[in-house]
Structures are given as structure tokens and as C-alpha cells.
């Protein structure tokens, strides 16, 4: 059982409770990630305290280095 949230415009069912858990579950590198939650940019130290709710909207932006 999970909750329905919207990640980068796509509805997904997740079984985690916090944004930090979502980042871990997806295997993302926190140092390269910016997260917008319900139109609010979050600092990384906020991720564990944000509890995901039904129909939350997340934008996960990952920065990639290169030349």
C-alpha cells in the first residue's frame, strides 16, 4: 500500500513516508539533487522532516557534470 504523488509531472505510487526516504529508494545522489515540493524549494536538511501526503507534487532536478 502506498500513496499517490506526482513526480516530475508523472503520477506515482510510493511506499515511503519522507522525501529523504524517496531519494534513497530511487537511488539518487543527494549532493546533485534539488527538490521542489509543492512549489517550494527545499534544503537538503529539510528532506527527512517533510512527510509526503497524497497528491503532493515533487520536481526532482539532478545536476550532471561534464565537459
N, C-alpha and C. Protein backbone atom coordinates (compact mmCIF):
# COMPACT_ATOMS: atom_id res chain seq x y z
N UNK A 1 0.84 -1.19 0.00
CA UNK A 1 0.00 0.00 0.00
C UNK A 1 0.88 1.24 0.00
N UNK A 2 0.49 2.24 -0.74
CA UNK A 2 1.27 3.45 -0.83
C UNK A 2 0.38 4.66 -1.02
N UNK A 3 1.02 5.77 -1.29
CA UNK A 3 0.28 7.00 -1.56
C UNK A 3 0.60 7.45 -2.97
N UNK A 4 -0.33 8.18 -3.57
CA UNK A 4 -0.17 8.71 -4.91
C UNK A 4 0.43 10.12 -4.81
N UNK A 5 1.59 10.31 -5.44
CA UNK A 5 2.18 11.63 -5.54
C UNK A 5 2.55 11.88 -6.99
N UNK A 6 2.88 13.11 -7.31
CA UNK A 6 3.24 13.47 -8.67
C UNK A 6 4.72 13.86 -8.67
N UNK A 7 5.52 13.12 -9.44
CA UNK A 7 6.95 13.36 -9.52
C UNK A 7 7.28 13.76 -10.96
N UNK A 8 7.80 14.97 -11.12
CA UNK A 8 8.16 15.49 -12.44
C UNK A 8 7.01 15.32 -13.44
N UNK A 9 5.79 15.59 -12.97
CA UNK A 9 4.62 15.57 -13.85
C UNK A 9 3.98 14.21 -14.04
N UNK A 10 4.54 13.16 -13.43
CA UNK A 10 4.00 11.81 -13.59
C UNK A 10 3.49 11.30 -12.26
N UNK A 11 2.27 10.79 -12.25
CA UNK A 11 1.71 10.25 -11.02
C UNK A 11 2.37 8.91 -10.70
N UNK A 12 2.80 8.75 -9.45
CA UNK A 12 3.45 7.52 -9.00
C UNK A 12 2.88 7.12 -7.65
N UNK A 13 2.90 5.83 -7.39
CA UNK A 13 2.55 5.32 -6.07
C UNK A 13 3.84 5.00 -5.35
N UNK A 14 4.02 5.56 -4.17
CA UNK A 14 5.23 5.33 -3.39
C UNK A 14 4.87 4.75 -2.03
N UNK A 15 5.82 4.02 -1.46
CA UNK A 15 5.58 3.40 -0.16
C UNK A 15 6.54 3.94 0.89
N UNK A 16 7.00 5.17 0.69
CA UNK A 16 7.88 5.81 1.65
C UNK A 16 7.13 6.96 2.31
N UNK A 17 7.63 7.42 3.45
CA UNK A 17 6.91 8.49 4.13
C UNK A 17 7.57 9.85 4.02
N UNK A 18 8.89 9.90 3.82
CA UNK A 18 9.56 11.20 3.75
C UNK A 18 10.28 11.38 2.41
N UNK A 19 10.62 12.61 2.13
CA UNK A 19 11.36 12.91 0.91
C UNK A 19 12.74 12.26 0.95
N UNK A 20 13.38 12.26 2.12
CA UNK A 20 14.69 11.61 2.24
C UNK A 20 14.60 10.13 1.88
N UNK A 21 13.56 9.45 2.34
CA UNK A 21 13.37 8.04 2.01
C UNK A 21 13.14 7.84 0.52
N UNK A 22 12.41 8.76 -0.11
CA UNK A 22 12.16 8.68 -1.55
C UNK A 22 13.46 8.79 -2.34
N UNK A 23 14.32 9.73 -1.94
CA UNK A 23 15.62 9.91 -2.60
C UNK A 23 16.44 8.62 -2.50
N UNK A 24 16.46 8.02 -1.32
CA UNK A 24 17.20 6.77 -1.11
C UNK A 24 16.62 5.66 -1.95
N UNK A 25 15.30 5.51 -1.94
CA UNK A 25 14.63 4.43 -2.68
C UNK A 25 14.91 4.54 -4.18
N UNK A 26 14.97 5.75 -4.69
CA UNK A 26 15.21 5.94 -6.12
C UNK A 26 16.69 5.87 -6.48
N UNK A 27 17.56 5.76 -5.48
CA UNK A 27 18.99 5.65 -5.74
C UNK A 27 19.61 6.93 -6.25
N UNK A 28 19.05 8.06 -5.87
CA UNK A 28 19.56 9.36 -6.33
C UNK A 28 20.68 9.85 -5.42
N UNK A 29 21.58 10.65 -5.97
CA UNK A 29 22.70 11.20 -5.22
C UNK A 29 22.26 12.55 -4.65
N UNK A 30 22.10 12.64 -3.33
CA UNK A 30 21.58 13.87 -2.72
C UNK A 30 22.39 15.12 -3.06
N UNK A 31 23.71 14.99 -3.19
CA UNK A 31 24.55 16.15 -3.45
C UNK A 31 24.33 16.77 -4.83
N UNK A 32 23.70 16.02 -5.73
CA UNK A 32 23.47 16.54 -7.09
C UNK A 32 21.99 16.86 -7.34
N UNK A 33 21.22 16.93 -6.27
CA UNK A 33 19.77 17.00 -6.40
C UNK A 33 19.20 18.28 -5.79
N UNK A 34 18.25 18.88 -6.51
CA UNK A 34 17.44 19.97 -5.98
C UNK A 34 16.00 19.48 -6.03
N UNK A 35 15.27 19.67 -4.93
CA UNK A 35 13.88 19.20 -4.87
C UNK A 35 12.95 20.36 -4.62
N UNK A 36 11.91 20.42 -5.46
CA UNK A 36 10.82 21.37 -5.26
C UNK A 36 9.62 20.55 -4.80
N UNK A 37 9.05 20.93 -3.67
CA UNK A 37 7.92 20.22 -3.07
C UNK A 37 6.75 21.20 -2.98
N UNK A 38 5.70 20.89 -3.72
CA UNK A 38 4.52 21.76 -3.73
C UNK A 38 4.91 23.23 -3.94
N UNK A 39 5.78 23.44 -4.94
CA UNK A 39 6.24 24.77 -5.39
C UNK A 39 7.15 25.47 -4.40
N UNK A 40 7.77 24.71 -3.51
CA UNK A 40 8.70 25.27 -2.53
C UNK A 40 10.03 24.53 -2.66
N UNK A 41 11.12 25.28 -2.90
CA UNK A 41 12.45 24.67 -2.98
C UNK A 41 12.88 24.29 -1.56
N UNK A 42 13.33 23.06 -1.41
CA UNK A 42 13.73 22.56 -0.10
C UNK A 42 15.24 22.48 0.03
N UNK A 43 15.73 22.75 1.24
CA UNK A 43 17.12 22.49 1.56
C UNK A 43 17.24 21.02 1.92
N UNK A 44 18.41 20.46 1.66
CA UNK A 44 18.60 19.02 1.89
C UNK A 44 18.33 18.64 3.35
N UNK A 45 18.65 19.51 4.29
CA UNK A 45 18.42 19.17 5.70
C UNK A 45 16.93 19.10 6.06
N UNK A 46 16.06 19.62 5.18
CA UNK A 46 14.61 19.54 5.41
C UNK A 46 14.01 18.21 4.96
N UNK A 47 14.69 17.50 4.07
CA UNK A 47 14.12 16.30 3.47
C UNK A 47 13.60 15.27 4.47
N UNK A 48 14.34 14.96 5.55
CA UNK A 48 13.82 13.93 6.47
C UNK A 48 12.54 14.35 7.20
N UNK A 49 12.34 15.65 7.38
CA UNK A 49 11.18 16.10 8.16
C UNK A 49 9.92 16.32 7.33
N UNK A 50 10.04 16.31 6.00
CA UNK A 50 8.88 16.51 5.14
C UNK A 50 8.18 15.17 4.93
N UNK A 51 6.99 15.04 5.47
CA UNK A 51 6.20 13.83 5.32
C UNK A 51 5.32 13.94 4.08
N UNK A 52 5.47 12.99 3.19
CA UNK A 52 4.70 13.01 1.94
C UNK A 52 3.23 12.74 2.20
N UNK A 53 2.40 13.47 1.49
CA UNK A 53 0.94 13.33 1.58
C UNK A 53 0.38 13.03 0.20
N UNK A 54 -0.80 12.46 0.18
CA UNK A 54 -1.49 12.16 -1.07
C UNK A 54 -1.53 13.39 -1.98
N UNK A 55 -1.15 13.21 -3.24
CA UNK A 55 -1.17 14.24 -4.29
C UNK A 55 -0.15 15.35 -4.10
N UNK A 56 0.89 15.15 -3.27
CA UNK A 56 2.00 16.10 -3.23
C UNK A 56 2.63 16.15 -4.62
N UNK A 57 3.18 17.30 -4.96
CA UNK A 57 3.87 17.47 -6.25
C UNK A 57 5.35 17.70 -5.98
N UNK A 58 6.17 16.86 -6.59
CA UNK A 58 7.62 16.98 -6.46
C UNK A 58 8.26 17.17 -7.82
N UNK A 59 9.24 18.05 -7.87
CA UNK A 59 10.09 18.16 -9.04
C UNK A 59 11.48 17.80 -8.55
N UNK A 60 12.07 16.77 -9.15
CA UNK A 60 13.41 16.33 -8.79
C UNK A 60 14.35 16.76 -9.92
N UNK A 61 15.25 17.67 -9.62
CA UNK A 61 16.18 18.19 -10.61
C UNK A 61 17.57 17.73 -10.24
N UNK A 62 18.20 16.98 -11.16
CA UNK A 62 19.53 16.44 -10.89
C UNK A 62 20.55 17.11 -11.79
N UNK A 63 21.61 17.58 -11.19
CA UNK A 63 22.67 18.24 -11.94
C UNK A 63 23.74 17.22 -12.30
N UNK A 64 24.18 17.29 -13.53
CA UNK A 64 25.17 16.35 -14.04
C UNK A 64 26.35 17.16 -14.56
N UNK A 65 27.56 16.80 -14.10
CA UNK A 65 28.76 17.47 -14.57
C UNK A 65 29.21 16.89 -15.90
N UNK A 66 30.00 17.62 -16.58
CA UNK A 66 30.50 17.11 -17.84
C UNK A 66 31.23 18.19 -18.61
N UNK A 67 31.73 17.82 -19.75
CA UNK A 67 32.51 18.79 -20.49
C UNK A 67 32.10 18.85 -21.86
